[in-house]
Amino acid sequence: MNGRKWIAIVISCVCLLGCGDRLTKRISMGMVEGWAEGNAMTTVAQEYLKEKGYHIVIHKAAPNLLLASMDNGDTDIFMNVWLPKTHGDKIAPFHRIQSVATNYEGALLGLVVPDYVEINSIEELNANSDKFDGKIMGIERGTGMAIYTDTVIQEYGLNYRQLNSSMVAMAAELNKAIQEKRWIVVTAWQPHWLFGRFDLKFLEDPKKIYGEVEHIETFARQDFEKDFPEVYRFFQHAFFDGEMMSDLLTRMETSTNQKETAQQWIMENRSMLDAWWNGM
């Protein structure tokens, strides 16, 4: 065997070994485009796990599609399941997914207005429909928020239309209205960077159609713990309190490079993330 062939074989073996390690340490994470809290947590987890030698692939889709993808084994983990109400019905059909842990408590969703708007309840919307132009600015169709808002319009007998678009488009409309001091009502949730940038308030929901205070859980496909015990343990302990989440979301919203922002945040909070990794 000549020298060139021998070198080629060695290189091929090295590549196969390297690729094999890459494949065995490949983890796919679900993420909903525009959902600030999930995107922030996912990016932090992605960058930290990359430090541990894992190859992280991000699957972007609607929540129901990500849950289905986890159920059939194509997506490994998803950090943004709101319970008990928002995604409660969405997880019910799937039996090959499991909750890993709660990663955030005190989550809220509902109809939100700037604090200068002189009403405090959904029941006051009809009397002021002209000031809101009879519109509720919503997010994507098919989301739990959009579905609940349709129910709110029906149950409260609101003379309003829900205008659905992306979260980014909704935020832009909110920003424009606040700059012009116009009345506007949007579908929103907390935690979100919107509450760090603007003075906002939730409208009271006496019928509790949006539910009570919720929490956010991390879900994984069946057998994920068996395949990646160290990573599973990390997600079991990953928890963001209100102050941490607010800081992270504010940084991410103003960032021009979210991966670099996540890396900086990890560096500043390394002892905490290392504790998550070590199961503490």
C-alpha atoms as a PDB file:
ATOM      1  CA  MET A   1       0.000   0.000   0.000  1.00  0.00           C
ATOM      2  CA  ASN A   2       1.478   3.341  -1.014  1.00  0.00           C
ATOM      3  CA  GLY A   3       1.714   6.332   1.305  1.00  0.00           C
ATOM      4  CA  ARG A   4      -1.101   8.304  -0.282  1.00  0.00           C
ATOM      5  CA  LYS A   5      -3.608   5.457   0.117  1.00  0.00           C
ATOM      6  CA  TRP A   6      -2.576   4.941   3.714  1.00  0.00           C
ATOM      7  CA  ILE A   7      -3.067   8.638   4.520  1.00  0.00           C
ATOM      8  CA  ALA A   8      -6.472   8.576   2.810  1.00  0.00           C
ATOM      9  CA  ILE A   9      -7.564   5.590   4.908  1.00  0.00           C
ATOM     10  CA  VAL A  10      -6.411   7.225   8.131  1.00  0.00           C
ATOM     11  CA  ILE A  11      -8.243  10.451   7.283  1.00  0.00           C
ATOM     12  CA  SER A  12     -11.399   8.491   6.427  1.00  0.00           C
ATOM     13  CA  CYS A  13     -11.274   6.632   9.739  1.00  0.00           C
ATOM     14  CA  VAL A  14     -10.818   9.859  11.669  1.00  0.00           C
ATOM     15  CA  CYS A  15     -13.742  11.433   9.827  1.00  0.00           C
ATOM     16  CA  LEU A  16     -15.959   8.437  10.520  1.00  0.00           C
ATOM     17  CA  LEU A  17     -15.083   8.483  14.204  1.00  0.00           C
ATOM     18  CA  GLY A  18     -15.661  12.210  14.399  1.00  0.00           C
ATOM     19  CA  CYS A  19     -18.937  12.024  12.492  1.00  0.00           C
ATOM     20  CA  GLY A  20     -20.056   9.111  14.636  1.00  0.00           C
ATOM     21  CA  ASP A  21     -19.464  11.104  17.806  1.00  0.00           C
ATOM     22  CA  ARG A  22     -21.277  14.040  16.234  1.00  0.00           C
ATOM     23  CA  LEU A  23     -24.286  11.866  15.463  1.00  0.00           C
ATOM     24  CA  THR A  24     -24.386  10.203  18.878  1.00  0.00           C
ATOM     25  CA  LYS A  25     -24.243  13.637  20.557  1.00  0.00           C
ATOM     26  CA  ARG A  26     -26.853  15.243  18.288  1.00  0.00           C
ATOM     27  CA  ILE A  27     -29.840  16.744  20.115  1.00  0.00           C
ATOM     28  CA  SER A  28     -32.796  18.428  18.439  1.00  0.00           C
ATOM     29  CA  MET A  29     -34.588  21.177  20.344  1.00  0.00           C
ATOM     30  CA  GLY A  30     -37.998  22.572  19.473  1.00  0.00           C
ATOM     31  CA  MET A  31     -38.609  26.308  19.303  1.00  0.00           C
ATOM     32  CA  VAL A  32     -41.594  28.467  18.303  1.00  0.00           C
ATOM     33  CA  GLU A  33     -40.475  31.430  16.209  1.00  0.00           C
ATOM     34  CA  GLY A  34     -41.223  34.728  17.943  1.00  0.00           C
ATOM     35  CA  TRP A  35     -41.955  33.273  21.392  1.00  0.00           C
ATOM     36  CA  ALA A  36     -39.400  35.317  23.297  1.00  0.00           C
ATOM     37  CA  GLU A  37     -39.192  33.337  26.532  1.00  0.00           C
ATOM     38  CA  GLY A  38     -38.834  29.970  24.804  1.00  0.00           C
ATOM     39  CA  ASN A  39     -36.323  31.305  22.302  1.00  0.00           C
ATOM     40  CA  ALA A  40     -34.201  32.820  25.079  1.00  0.00           C
ATOM     41  CA  MET A  41     -34.172  29.681  27.230  1.00  0.00           C
ATOM     42  CA  THR A  42     -33.513  27.460  24.215  1.00  0.00           C
ATOM     43  CA  THR A  43     -30.612  29.590  22.998  1.00  0.00           C
ATOM     44  CA  VAL A  44     -28.991  29.538  26.439  1.00  0.00           C
ATOM     45  CA  ALA A  45     -29.386  25.747  26.633  1.00  0.00           C
ATOM     46  CA  GLN A  46     -28.067  25.370  23.086  1.00  0.00           C
ATOM     47  CA  GLU A  47     -24.911  27.373  23.747  1.00  0.00           C
ATOM     48  CA  TYR A  48     -24.224  25.698  27.092  1.00  0.00           C
ATOM     49  CA  LEU A  49     -24.664  22.180  25.687  1.00  0.00           C
ATOM     50  CA  LYS A  50     -22.393  23.053  22.769  1.00  0.00           C
ATOM     51  CA  GLU A  51     -19.691  23.694  25.362  1.00  0.00           C
ATOM     52  CA  LYS A  52     -20.260  20.140  26.578  1.00  0.00           C
ATOM     53  CA  GLY A  53     -19.622  18.786  23.103  1.00  0.00           C
ATOM     54  CA  TYR A  54     -23.203  18.333  21.909  1.00  0.00           C
ATOM     55  CA  HIS A  55     -24.404  19.190  18.415  1.00  0.00           C
ATOM     56  CA  ILE A  56     -27.690  21.068  18.842  1.00  0.00           C
ATOM     57  CA  VAL A  57     -30.208  21.288  16.000  1.00  0.00           C
ATOM     58  CA  ILE A  58     -33.150  23.677  16.334  1.00  0.00           C
ATOM     59  CA  HIS A  59     -36.547  22.632  14.953  1.00  0.00           C
ATOM     60  CA  LYS A  60     -38.839  25.646  14.476  1.00  0.00           C
ATOM     61  CA  ALA A  61     -42.571  24.990  14.253  1.00  0.00           C
ATOM     62  CA  ALA A  62     -45.932  25.603  15.949  1.00  0.00           C
ATOM     63  CA  PRO A  63     -46.355  23.977  19.394  1.00  0.00           C
ATOM     64  CA  ASN A  64     -48.687  21.199  18.202  1.00  0.00           C
ATOM     65  CA  LEU A  65     -46.259  20.248  15.430  1.00  0.00           C
ATOM     66  CA  LEU A  66     -43.316  20.181  17.837  1.00  0.00           C
ATOM     67  CA  LEU A  67     -45.242  17.995  20.267  1.00  0.00           C
ATOM     68  CA  ALA A  68     -46.127  15.610  17.443  1.00  0.00           C
ATOM     69  CA  SER A  69     -42.509  15.600  16.332  1.00  0.00           C
ATOM     70  CA  MET A  70     -41.403  14.679  19.864  1.00  0.00           C
ATOM     71  CA  ASP A  71     -44.024  11.972  20.008  1.00  0.00           C
ATOM     72  CA  ASN A  72     -42.628  10.312  16.874  1.00  0.00           C
ATOM     73  CA  GLY A  73     -39.023  10.797  18.015  1.00  0.00           C
ATOM     74  CA  ASP A  74     -37.853  13.432  15.541  1.00  0.00           C
ATOM     75  CA  THR A  75     -37.514  16.236  18.127  1.00  0.00           C
ATOM     76  CA  ASP A  76     -35.850  15.516  21.455  1.00  0.00           C
ATOM     77  CA  ILE A  77     -36.864  18.345  23.748  1.00  0.00           C
ATOM     78  CA  PHE A  78     -39.068  21.462  23.926  1.00  0.00           C
ATOM     79  CA  MET A  79     -38.741  24.054  26.704  1.00  0.00           C
ATOM     80  CA  ASN A  80     -41.957  26.047  26.235  1.00  0.00           C
ATOM     81  CA  VAL A  81     -45.046  24.037  27.268  1.00  0.00           C
ATOM     82  CA  TRP A  82     -47.503  26.256  29.161  1.00  0.00           C
ATOM     83  CA  LEU A  83     -49.661  24.428  31.694  1.00  0.00           C
ATOM     84  CA  PRO A  84     -52.177  23.660  32.954  1.00  0.00           C
ATOM     85  CA  LYS A  85     -54.411  25.373  30.393  1.00  0.00           C
ATOM     86  CA  THR A  86     -52.672  26.849  27.363  1.00  0.00           C
ATOM     87  CA  HIS A  87     -51.118  23.642  26.064  1.00  0.00           C
ATOM     88  CA  GLY A  88     -53.043  21.190  28.224  1.00  0.00           C
ATOM     89  CA  ASP A  89     -55.262  20.039  25.372  1.00  0.00           C
ATOM     90  CA  LYS A  90     -52.339  19.982  22.951  1.00  0.00           C
ATOM     91  CA  ILE A  91     -50.245  17.499  24.938  1.00  0.00           C
ATOM     92  CA  ALA A  92     -53.196  15.189  25.691  1.00  0.00           C
ATOM     93  CA  PRO A  93     -53.101  13.153  22.414  1.00  0.00           C
ATOM     94  CA  PHE A  94     -49.417  12.302  22.727  1.00  0.00           C
ATOM     95  CA  HIS A  95     -48.308   9.382  24.887  1.00  0.00           C
ATOM     96  CA  ARG A  96     -44.620   9.147  23.972  1.00  0.00           C
ATOM     97  CA  ILE A  97     -43.637  12.484  25.499  1.00  0.00           C
ATOM     98  CA  GLN A  98     -43.017  13.327  29.137  1.00  0.00           C
ATOM     99  CA  SER A  99     -42.580  16.324  31.397  1.00  0.00           C
ATOM    100  CA  VAL A 100     -38.992  16.838  32.506  1.00  0.00           C
ATOM    101  CA  ALA A 101     -39.437  19.757  34.913  1.00  0.00           C
ATOM    102  CA  THR A 102     -40.932  23.198  35.455  1.00  0.00           C
ATOM    103  CA  ASN A 103     -38.563  25.889  34.204  1.00  0.00           C
ATOM    104  CA  TYR A 104     -40.602  29.024  35.027  1.00  0.00           C
ATOM    105  CA  GLU A 105     -43.454  29.873  37.408  1.00  0.00           C
ATOM    106  CA  GLY A 106     -45.882  32.788  37.433  1.00  0.00           C
ATOM    107  CA  ALA A 107     -46.715  32.906  33.718  1.00  0.00           C
ATOM    108  CA  LEU A 108     -49.741  34.895  32.565  1.00  0.00           C
ATOM    109  CA  LEU A 109     -51.554  35.406  29.285  1.00  0.00           C
ATOM    110  CA  GLY A 110     -54.527  37.459  28.192  1.00  0.00           C
ATOM    111  CA  LEU A 111     -55.575  40.763  26.694  1.00  0.00           C
ATOM    112  CA  VAL A 112     -53.121  43.586  27.349  1.00  0.00           C
ATOM    113  CA  VAL A 113     -53.362  47.361  26.952  1.00  0.00           C
ATOM    114  CA  PRO A 114     -50.985  50.285  27.600  1.00  0.00           C
ATOM    115  CA  ASP A 115     -51.335  51.554  31.158  1.00  0.00           C
ATOM    116  CA  TYR A 116     -52.731  54.902  29.944  1.00  0.00           C
ATOM    117  CA  VAL A 117     -55.838  53.127  28.588  1.00  0.00           C
ATOM    118  CA  GLU A 118     -58.686  53.958  30.985  1.00  0.00           C
ATOM    119  CA  ILE A 119     -60.287  50.531  31.311  1.00  0.00           C
ATOM    120  CA  ASN A 120     -59.323  47.560  33.465  1.00  0.00           C
ATOM    121  CA  SER A 121     -61.557  44.671  32.397  1.00  0.00           C
ATOM    122  CA  ILE A 122     -62.541  42.753  29.266  1.00  0.00           C
ATOM    123  CA  GLU A 123     -66.134  43.569  30.192  1.00  0.00           C
ATOM    124  CA  GLU A 124     -65.416  47.250  29.441  1.00  0.00           C
ATOM    125  CA  LEU A 125     -64.248  46.648  25.858  1.00  0.00           C
ATOM    126  CA  ASN A 126     -67.600  46.907  24.096  1.00  0.00           C
ATOM    127  CA  ALA A 127     -68.353  50.314  25.600  1.00  0.00           C
ATOM    128  CA  ASN A 128     -65.069  51.560  24.124  1.00  0.00           C
ATOM    129  CA  SER A 129     -64.949  49.662  20.831  1.00  0.00           C
ATOM    130  CA  ASP A 130     -64.665  52.874  18.815  1.00  0.00           C
ATOM    131  CA  LYS A 131     -61.450  53.813  20.646  1.00  0.00           C
ATOM    132  CA  PHE A 132     -59.951  50.412  19.793  1.00  0.00           C
ATOM    133  CA  ASP A 133     -61.391  50.456  16.254  1.00  0.00           C
ATOM    134  CA  GLY A 134     -63.093  47.155  17.103  1.00  0.00           C
ATOM    135  CA  LYS A 135     -59.806  45.241  16.731  1.00  0.00           C
ATOM    136  CA  ILE A 136     -57.778  42.906  18.903  1.00  0.00           C
ATOM    137  CA  MET A 137     -54.246  42.527  17.602  1.00  0.00           C
ATOM    138  CA  GLY A 138     -53.336  38.858  17.903  1.00  0.00           C
ATOM    139  CA  ILE A 139     -50.569  36.425  17.060  1.00  0.00           C
ATOM    140  CA  GLU A 140     -50.508  33.400  14.759  1.00  0.00           C
ATOM    141  CA  ARG A 141     -53.660  31.405  14.031  1.00  0.00           C
ATOM    142  CA  GLY A 142     -53.686  27.967  15.613  1.00  0.00           C
ATOM    143  CA  THR A 143     -51.878  29.014  18.782  1.00  0.00           C
ATOM    144  CA  GLY A 144     -53.542  28.542  22.159  1.00  0.00           C
ATOM    145  CA  MET A 145     -53.631  32.308  22.586  1.00  0.00           C
ATOM    146  CA  ALA A 146     -55.532  32.811  19.321  1.00  0.00           C
ATOM    147  CA  ILE A 147     -58.004  30.041  20.144  1.00  0.00           C
ATOM    148  CA  TYR A 148     -58.722  31.386  23.622  1.00  0.00           C
ATOM    149  CA  THR A 149     -59.150  34.892  22.237  1.00  0.00           C
ATOM    150  CA  ASP A 150     -61.810  33.624  19.804  1.00  0.00           C
ATOM    151  CA  THR A 151     -63.580  32.123  22.822  1.00  0.00           C
ATOM    152  CA  VAL A 152     -63.241  35.405  24.738  1.00  0.00           C
ATOM    153  CA  ILE A 153     -64.872  37.308  21.858  1.00  0.00           C
ATOM    154  CA  GLN A 154     -67.750  34.831  21.829  1.00  0.00           C
ATOM    155  CA  GLU A 155     -68.277  34.424  25.591  1.00  0.00           C
ATOM    156  CA  TYR A 156     -68.101  38.144  26.355  1.00  0.00           C
ATOM    157  CA  GLY A 157     -70.131  39.039  23.251  1.00  0.00           C
ATOM    158  CA  LEU A 158     -67.425  41.428  22.038  1.00  0.00           C
ATOM    159  CA  ASN A 159     -67.992  43.493  18.910  1.00  0.00           C
ATOM    160  CA  TYR A 160     -64.371  42.983  17.928  1.00  0.00           C
ATOM    161  CA  ARG A 161     -62.321  41.162  15.310  1.00  0.00           C
ATOM    162  CA  GLN A 162     -59.111  39.366  16.165  1.00  0.00           C
ATOM    163  CA  LEU A 163     -56.469  40.304  13.603  1.00  0.00           C
ATOM    164  CA  ASN A 164     -53.880  37.538  13.516  1.00  0.00           C
ATOM    165  CA  SER A 165     -50.288  37.896  12.395  1.00  0.00           C
ATOM    166  CA  SER A 166     -46.862  37.187  13.821  1.00  0.00           C
ATOM    167  CA  MET A 167     -45.767  38.144  17.313  1.00  0.00           C
ATOM    168  CA  VAL A 168     -43.241  40.525  15.732  1.00  0.00           C
ATOM    169  CA  ALA A 169     -45.995  42.270  13.752  1.00  0.00           C
ATOM    170  CA  MET A 170     -48.185  42.532  16.848  1.00  0.00           C
ATOM    171  CA  ALA A 171     -45.318  44.095  18.822  1.00  0.00           C
ATOM    172  CA  ALA A 172     -44.722  46.593  16.012  1.00  0.00           C
ATOM    173  CA  GLU A 173     -48.394  47.641  16.058  1.00  0.00           C
ATOM    174  CA  LEU A 174     -48.258  48.009  19.838  1.00  0.00           C
ATOM    175  CA  ASN A 175     -45.114  50.134  19.641  1.00  0.00           C
ATOM    176  CA  LYS A 176     -46.626  52.397  16.981  1.00  0.00           C
ATOM    177  CA  ALA A 177     -49.854  52.883  18.963  1.00  0.00           C
ATOM    178  CA  ILE A 178     -47.958  53.747  22.150  1.00  0.00           C
ATOM    179  CA  GLN A 179     -45.804  56.278  20.298  1.00  0.00           C
ATOM    180  CA  GLU A 180     -49.028  57.913  19.081  1.00  0.00           C
ATOM    181  CA  LYS A 181     -50.789  57.481  22.457  1.00  0.00           C
ATOM    182  CA  ARG A 182     -53.591  55.558  20.788  1.00  0.00           C
ATOM    183  CA  TRP A 183     -55.731  52.940  22.485  1.00  0.00           C
ATOM    184  CA  ILE A 184     -54.817  49.416  21.457  1.00  0.00           C
ATOM    185  CA  VAL A 185     -55.562  45.951  22.827  1.00  0.00           C
ATOM    186  CA  VAL A 186     -53.282  43.006  22.046  1.00  0.00           C
ATOM    187  CA  THR A 187     -52.949  39.366  23.001  1.00  0.00           C
ATOM    188  CA  ALA A 188     -49.793  38.980  25.083  1.00  0.00           C
ATOM    189  CA  TRP A 189     -48.153  36.973  27.795  1.00  0.00           C
ATOM    190  CA  GLN A 190     -45.654  37.283  30.576  1.00  0.00           C
ATOM    191  CA  PRO A 191     -42.707  36.605  30.710  1.00  0.00           C
ATOM    192  CA  HIS A 192     -42.011  38.745  27.659  1.00  0.00           C
ATOM    193  CA  TRP A 193     -39.696  41.616  26.810  1.00  0.00           C
ATOM    194  CA  LEU A 194     -42.751  43.754  25.977  1.00  0.00           C
ATOM    195  CA  PHE A 195     -43.277  44.291  29.714  1.00  0.00           C
ATOM    196  CA  GLY A 196     -39.718  45.490  30.117  1.00  0.00           C
ATOM    197  CA  ARG A 197     -39.999  47.998  27.287  1.00  0.00           C
ATOM    198  CA  PHE A 198     -43.544  49.339  27.781  1.00  0.00           C
ATOM    199  CA  ASP A 199     -45.836  50.117  30.706  1.00  0.00           C
ATOM    200  CA  LEU A 200     -48.620  47.589  30.145  1.00  0.00           C
ATOM    201  CA  LYS A 201     -51.436  45.974  32.092  1.00  0.00           C
ATOM    202  CA  PHE A 202     -53.567  42.855  31.706  1.00  0.00           C
ATOM    203  CA  LEU A 203     -57.311  43.368  31.422  1.00  0.00           C
ATOM    204  CA  GLU A 204     -59.203  41.467  34.101  1.00  0.00           C
ATOM    205  CA  ASP A 205     -60.845  38.273  32.828  1.00  0.00           C
ATOM    206  CA  PRO A 206     -63.777  37.567  35.193  1.00  0.00           C
ATOM    207  CA  LYS A 207     -64.796  34.450  33.252  1.00  0.00           C
ATOM    208  CA  LYS A 208     -61.217  33.087  33.536  1.00  0.00           C
ATOM    209  CA  ILE A 209     -61.192  32.018  29.890  1.00  0.00           C
ATOM    210  CA  TYR A 210     -57.446  32.603  29.712  1.00  0.00           C
ATOM    211  CA  GLY A 211     -57.092  30.651  32.946  1.00  0.00           C
ATOM    212  CA  GLU A 212     -55.218  31.457  36.104  1.00  0.00           C
ATOM    213  CA  VAL A 213     -51.491  31.873  36.642  1.00  0.00           C
ATOM    214  CA  GLU A 214     -49.602  29.182  34.717  1.00  0.00           C
ATOM    215  CA  HIS A 215     -46.148  27.666  34.688  1.00  0.00           C
ATOM    216  CA  ILE A 216     -43.829  26.621  31.863  1.00  0.00           C
ATOM    217  CA  GLU A 217     -42.491  23.091  31.580  1.00  0.00           C
ATOM    218  CA  THR A 218     -39.782  21.360  29.592  1.00  0.00           C
ATOM    219  CA  PHE A 219     -41.006  18.243  27.751  1.00  0.00           C
ATOM    220  CA  ALA A 220     -38.935  15.512  26.127  1.00  0.00           C
ATOM    221  CA  ARG A 221     -39.508  12.503  23.920  1.00  0.00           C
ATOM    222  CA  GLN A 222     -39.791   9.091  25.498  1.00  0.00           C
ATOM    223  CA  ASP A 223     -36.366   7.495  26.165  1.00  0.00           C
ATOM    224  CA  PHE A 224     -34.531  10.837  26.058  1.00  0.00           C
ATOM    225  CA  GLU A 225     -33.342  10.284  29.639  1.00  0.00           C
ATOM    226  CA  LYS A 226     -31.964   6.861  28.724  1.00  0.00           C
ATOM    227  CA  ASP A 227     -30.162   8.219  25.651  1.00  0.00           C
ATOM    228  CA  PHE A 228     -28.794  11.415  27.233  1.00  0.00           C
ATOM    229  CA  PRO A 229     -28.817  11.072  31.048  1.00  0.00           C
ATOM    230  CA  GLU A 230     -26.489  14.038  31.682  1.00  0.00           C
ATOM    231  CA  VAL A 231     -28.490  16.342  29.429  1.00  0.00           C
ATOM    232  CA  TYR A 232     -31.772  15.155  30.915  1.00  0.00           C
ATOM    233  CA  ARG A 233     -30.422  15.946  34.386  1.00  0.00           C
ATOM    234  CA  PHE A 234     -29.488  19.452  33.176  1.00  0.00           C
ATOM    235  CA  PHE A 235     -33.043  20.106  32.021  1.00  0.00           C
ATOM    236  CA  GLN A 236     -34.433  18.648  35.251  1.00  0.00           C
ATOM    237  CA  HIS A 237     -32.699  21.437  37.169  1.00  0.00           C
ATOM    238  CA  ALA A 238     -32.886  24.309  34.668  1.00  0.00           C
ATOM    239  CA  PHE A 239     -35.125  26.948  36.246  1.00  0.00           C
ATOM    240  CA  PHE A 240     -35.415  30.674  35.515  1.00  0.00           C
ATOM    241  CA  ASP A 241     -36.879  32.888  38.234  1.00  0.00           C
ATOM    242  CA  GLY A 242     -38.603  36.169  37.395  1.00  0.00           C
ATOM    243  CA  GLU A 243     -35.528  38.357  37.799  1.00  0.00           C
ATOM    244  CA  MET A 244     -33.327  36.060  35.718  1.00  0.00           C
ATOM    245  CA  MET A 245     -35.916  35.783  32.971  1.00  0.00           C
ATOM    246  CA  SER A 246     -36.499  39.528  32.815  1.00  0.00           C
ATOM    247  CA  ASP A 247     -32.758  40.186  32.541  1.00  0.00           C
ATOM    248  CA  LEU A 248     -32.302  37.550  29.845  1.00  0.00           C
ATOM    249  CA  LEU A 249     -35.294  38.695  27.773  1.00  0.00           C
ATOM    250  CA  THR A 250     -34.256  42.349  27.913  1.00  0.00           C
ATOM    251  CA  ARG A 251     -30.780  41.483  26.673  1.00  0.00           C
ATOM    252  CA  MET A 252     -32.064  39.185  23.937  1.00  0.00           C
ATOM    253  CA  GLU A 253     -34.574  41.717  22.610  1.00  0.00           C
ATOM    254  CA  THR A 254     -31.915  44.382  22.086  1.00  0.00           C
ATOM    255  CA  SER A 255     -29.273  41.939  20.861  1.00  0.00           C
ATOM    256  CA  THR A 256     -27.926  41.898  17.313  1.00  0.00           C
ATOM    257  CA  ASN A 257     -26.458  38.422  17.883  1.00  0.00           C
ATOM    258  CA  GLN A 258     -28.514  36.298  20.262  1.00  0.00           C
ATOM    259  CA  LYS A 259     -26.009  33.446  20.386  1.00  0.00           C
ATOM    260  CA  GLU A 260     -23.273  35.820  21.547  1.00  0.00           C
ATOM    261  CA  THR A 261     -25.689  37.361  24.047  1.00  0.00           C
ATOM    262  CA  ALA A 262     -26.490  33.887  25.389  1.00  0.00           C
ATOM    263  CA  GLN A 263     -22.788  33.107  25.668  1.00  0.00           C
ATOM    264  CA  GLN A 264     -22.224  36.291  27.674  1.00  0.00           C
ATOM    265  CA  TRP A 265     -25.195  35.485  29.925  1.00  0.00           C
ATOM    266  CA  ILE A 266     -23.816  31.974  30.478  1.00  0.00           C
ATOM    267  CA  MET A 267     -20.429  33.384  31.424  1.00  0.00           C
ATOM    268  CA  GLU A 268     -22.035  35.685  34.003  1.00  0.00           C
ATOM    269  CA  ASN A 269     -24.213  32.880  35.408  1.00  0.00           C
ATOM    270  CA  ARG A 270     -21.851  29.949  34.958  1.00  0.00           C
ATOM    271  CA  SER A 271     -21.947  28.686  38.534  1.00  0.00           C
ATOM    272  CA  MET A 272     -25.728  28.350  38.328  1.00  0.00           C
ATOM    273  CA  LEU A 273     -25.685  26.535  34.976  1.00  0.00           C
ATOM    274  CA  ASP A 274     -22.898  24.258  36.173  1.00  0.00           C
ATOM    275  CA  ALA A 275     -25.083  23.428  39.181  1.00  0.00           C
ATOM    276  CA  TRP A 276     -27.911  22.511  36.802  1.00  0.00           C
ATOM    277  CA  TRP A 277     -25.509  20.288  34.884  1.00  0.00           C
ATOM    278  CA  ASN A 278     -24.304  18.591  38.067  1.00  0.00           C
ATOM    279  CA  GLY A 279     -27.864  18.061  39.312  1.00  0.00           C
ATOM    280  CA  MET A 280     -27.693  20.538  42.167  1.00  0.00           C
END
